[in-house]
Amino acid sequence: MAVKEYRHRYIVFEIDAPRAIERWELIKEFQRIASRIGLDQSEEIRPWLTAFQNNRGILRCAHCDKDKAIELLNGIHEVGEEKLKITIRTITTSGTIKKAKESL
């Protein structure tokens, strides 16, 4: 059996904010921070917001880019048009979506 070269990691995170954050607000910040730290769409990291509700979510990325994805999460300090101040805390990292969802 061949081993896949491209494996996913699922980073479970929580947002501390004065209100509920919308999914689109977070995605816009992912794009803004990714361009600021030098990641573009051609790189493999391509973070994907797999699940998000009640200010908790799962970010999918390539296994070799887990540290870059965590750096991306840690780089977000505000969201939305009103520049709402937030804090993102990573809870755990998993190799399977099933285990990551258990941590939500």
Protein backbone atom coordinates (compact mmCIF):
# COMPACT_ATOMS: atom_id res chain seq x y z
CA MET A 1 0.00 0.00 0.00
CA ALA A 2 1.43 3.36 -1.05
CA VAL A 3 1.66 6.24 1.41
CA LYS A 4 0.03 9.49 0.30
CA GLU A 5 2.53 12.30 -0.08
CA TYR A 6 -0.07 14.93 0.75
CA ARG A 7 -1.71 14.40 4.14
CA HIS A 8 -4.02 16.79 5.92
CA ARG A 9 -3.85 18.20 9.41
CA TYR A 10 -6.87 19.64 11.15
CA ILE A 11 -6.27 22.48 13.60
CA VAL A 12 -9.05 23.07 16.10
CA PHE A 13 -9.23 26.66 17.34
CA GLU A 14 -11.38 28.95 19.44
CA ILE A 15 -11.98 32.68 19.07
CA ASP A 16 -12.40 34.98 22.05
CA ALA A 17 -14.48 37.94 20.83
CA PRO A 18 -17.21 40.23 22.17
CA ARG A 19 -19.67 38.91 19.56
CA ALA A 20 -20.15 35.92 17.27
CA ILE A 21 -17.76 36.04 14.31
CA GLU A 22 -19.13 35.30 10.85
CA ARG A 23 -17.42 32.68 8.67
CA TRP A 24 -16.83 35.18 5.83
CA GLU A 25 -15.11 37.64 8.20
CA LEU A 26 -12.62 34.98 9.21
CA ILE A 27 -11.96 33.89 5.63
CA LYS A 28 -11.23 37.50 4.61
CA GLU A 29 -8.69 37.75 7.41
CA PHE A 30 -7.08 34.44 6.36
CA GLN A 31 -6.58 35.90 2.89
CA ARG A 32 -5.22 39.21 4.19
CA ILE A 33 -2.75 37.62 6.62
CA ALA A 34 -1.66 34.97 4.08
CA SER A 35 -0.66 37.66 1.61
CA ARG A 36 1.12 39.62 4.37
CA ILE A 37 3.27 36.67 5.49
CA GLY A 38 4.13 35.74 1.91
CA LEU A 39 1.77 32.83 1.25
CA ASP A 40 -0.09 32.82 -2.01
CA GLN A 41 -2.48 30.43 -3.72
CA SER A 42 0.35 28.57 -5.47
CA GLU A 43 1.69 27.24 -2.18
CA GLU A 44 0.42 24.00 -0.71
CA ILE A 45 -0.71 25.40 2.63
CA ARG A 46 -4.06 26.52 1.18
CA PRO A 47 -5.83 26.66 4.52
CA TRP A 48 -9.45 25.66 4.37
CA LEU A 49 -12.03 26.49 7.01
CA THR A 50 -13.61 23.05 7.31
CA ALA A 51 -16.07 23.83 10.10
CA PHE A 52 -16.96 26.99 11.99
CA GLN A 53 -19.72 27.73 14.48
CA ASN A 54 -20.06 29.48 17.82
CA ASN A 55 -16.57 31.01 17.46
CA ARG A 56 -14.93 27.56 17.25
CA GLY A 57 -13.59 26.04 14.08
CA ILE A 58 -11.40 23.56 12.25
CA LEU A 59 -8.75 24.71 9.80
CA ARG A 60 -7.47 22.11 7.31
CA CYS A 61 -3.95 22.34 5.88
CA ALA A 62 -1.16 20.17 4.49
CA HIS A 63 0.74 18.15 7.10
CA CYS A 64 4.04 19.82 6.27
CA ASP A 65 2.50 23.31 6.55
CA LYS A 66 0.90 22.91 9.97
CA ASP A 67 3.27 25.45 11.55
CA LYS A 68 2.53 28.03 8.82
CA ALA A 69 -1.21 27.51 9.34
CA ILE A 70 -0.85 28.06 13.08
CA GLU A 71 1.20 31.19 12.34
CA LEU A 72 -1.65 32.31 10.09
CA LEU A 73 -4.18 31.80 12.90
CA ASN A 74 -1.97 33.59 15.42
CA GLY A 75 -1.59 36.53 13.03
CA ILE A 76 -5.27 37.39 13.17
CA HIS A 77 -6.03 40.00 15.83
CA GLU A 78 -9.05 41.77 14.35
CA VAL A 79 -11.92 40.98 11.98
CA GLY A 80 -14.72 42.69 10.13
CA GLU A 81 -15.29 46.17 8.83
CA GLU A 82 -15.26 47.59 12.36
CA LYS A 83 -11.85 45.98 13.13
CA LEU A 84 -13.23 44.02 16.07
CA LYS A 85 -10.40 42.88 18.38
CA ILE A 86 -10.19 39.09 18.80
CA THR A 87 -7.88 36.44 20.22
CA ILE A 88 -7.49 33.04 18.56
CA ARG A 89 -6.36 30.08 20.63
CA THR A 90 -5.45 26.75 19.05
CA ILE A 91 -6.86 23.82 20.98
CA THR A 92 -5.40 20.77 19.26
CA THR A 93 -4.13 19.39 15.96
CA SER A 94 -5.30 16.11 14.51
CA GLY A 95 -4.58 13.94 11.50
CA THR A 96 -8.24 12.99 11.09
CA ILE A 97 -11.36 15.10 10.77
CA LYS A 98 -13.21 12.71 13.06
CA LYS A 99 -10.91 13.37 16.01
CA ALA A 100 -10.89 17.10 15.28
CA LYS A 101 -14.69 17.24 15.36
CA GLU A 102 -14.66 15.45 18.72
CA SER A 103 -12.63 18.40 20.09
CA LEU A 104 -15.16 20.96 18.87
